[in-house]
């Protein structure tokens, strides 16, 4: 018997993502648009490429490194109060 695994729709994935995952994906997209590798940015930030990869995957909670990585790819992280105001 072959079982087919259905992938969730985009809306379901967005709802199930936490902020770290969404921010990490945005950083990865921006990095790709710049044509930069993790190695290139890691050298600039004096960290390992693995540390940056963990951020892109939503696994790292070091906010200082997260903010530095975002700036390195031209993004800014802005905190918003709950409710988006």
Protein backbone atom coordinates (compact mmCIF):
# COMPACT_ATOMS: atom_id res chain seq x y z
CA UNK A 1 0.00 0.00 0.00
CA UNK A 2 1.34 3.43 -0.95
CA UNK A 3 0.45 6.26 1.35
CA UNK A 4 0.54 9.76 -0.01
CA UNK A 5 1.51 12.54 2.36
CA UNK A 6 -0.29 15.77 1.62
CA UNK A 7 1.65 18.97 2.04
CA UNK A 8 -0.17 21.74 3.89
CA UNK A 9 -1.40 24.67 1.85
CA UNK A 10 0.51 27.94 2.09
CA UNK A 11 -2.07 29.38 4.47
CA UNK A 12 -1.74 26.43 6.84
CA UNK A 13 2.06 26.74 6.85
CA UNK A 14 1.93 30.46 7.63
CA UNK A 15 -0.45 29.93 10.51
CA UNK A 16 1.72 27.17 12.00
CA UNK A 17 4.98 29.16 11.74
CA UNK A 18 6.31 31.07 14.68
CA UNK A 19 8.00 34.46 14.30
CA UNK A 20 11.54 33.03 14.25
CA UNK A 21 10.71 30.81 11.30
CA UNK A 22 9.09 33.65 9.34
CA UNK A 23 11.96 36.05 10.06
CA UNK A 24 14.52 33.40 9.15
CA UNK A 25 12.79 32.72 5.84
CA UNK A 26 12.70 36.46 5.07
CA UNK A 27 16.42 36.75 5.83
CA UNK A 28 17.23 33.77 3.59
CA UNK A 29 15.18 35.26 0.74
CA UNK A 30 16.94 38.61 1.09
CA UNK A 31 20.34 36.90 1.18
CA UNK A 32 19.57 34.96 -1.98
CA UNK A 33 18.41 38.13 -3.75
CA UNK A 34 21.77 39.71 -2.90
CA UNK A 35 23.58 36.65 -4.23
CA UNK A 36 25.44 36.22 -0.94
CA UNK A 37 26.44 32.93 0.64
CA UNK A 38 26.28 32.09 4.32
CA UNK A 39 30.08 31.89 4.29
CA UNK A 40 30.43 35.44 2.96
CA UNK A 41 28.13 36.93 5.57
CA UNK A 42 29.59 34.78 8.36
CA UNK A 43 33.07 36.16 7.67
CA UNK A 44 31.68 39.71 7.78
CA UNK A 45 29.87 39.09 11.07
CA UNK A 46 32.68 36.98 12.56
CA UNK A 47 30.46 33.97 13.24
CA UNK A 48 30.14 30.50 11.75
CA UNK A 49 27.97 29.81 8.72
CA UNK A 50 26.19 27.23 10.88
CA UNK A 51 25.08 29.95 13.31
CA UNK A 52 23.53 31.88 10.43
CA UNK A 53 21.91 28.75 9.03
CA UNK A 54 20.24 28.13 12.40
CA UNK A 55 18.76 31.65 12.21
CA UNK A 56 17.44 31.05 8.70
CA UNK A 57 15.82 27.83 9.92
CA UNK A 58 14.22 29.59 12.91
CA UNK A 59 16.30 27.70 15.46
CA UNK A 60 18.44 30.48 16.91
CA UNK A 61 17.16 32.96 19.47
CA UNK A 62 20.27 35.17 19.79
CA UNK A 63 18.58 38.48 19.08
CA UNK A 64 21.79 40.45 18.62
CA UNK A 65 23.06 38.07 15.94
CA UNK A 66 19.61 37.88 14.38
CA UNK A 67 19.49 41.68 14.06
CA UNK A 68 23.05 41.84 12.69
CA UNK A 69 22.28 39.16 10.11
CA UNK A 70 19.10 40.99 9.06
CA UNK A 71 21.05 44.26 8.64
CA UNK A 72 23.74 42.45 6.63
CA UNK A 73 21.12 41.51 4.03
CA UNK A 74 19.39 44.90 4.07
CA UNK A 75 16.51 44.15 6.44
CA UNK A 76 15.45 45.77 9.68
CA UNK A 77 13.59 43.98 12.44
CA UNK A 78 10.95 46.15 14.06
CA UNK A 79 8.97 45.10 17.12
CA UNK A 80 5.25 45.71 16.99
CA UNK A 81 2.84 45.61 19.89
CA UNK A 82 0.25 42.83 19.77
CA UNK A 83 -2.56 43.75 17.43
CA UNK A 84 -0.15 45.31 14.90
CA UNK A 85 -0.51 48.92 16.03
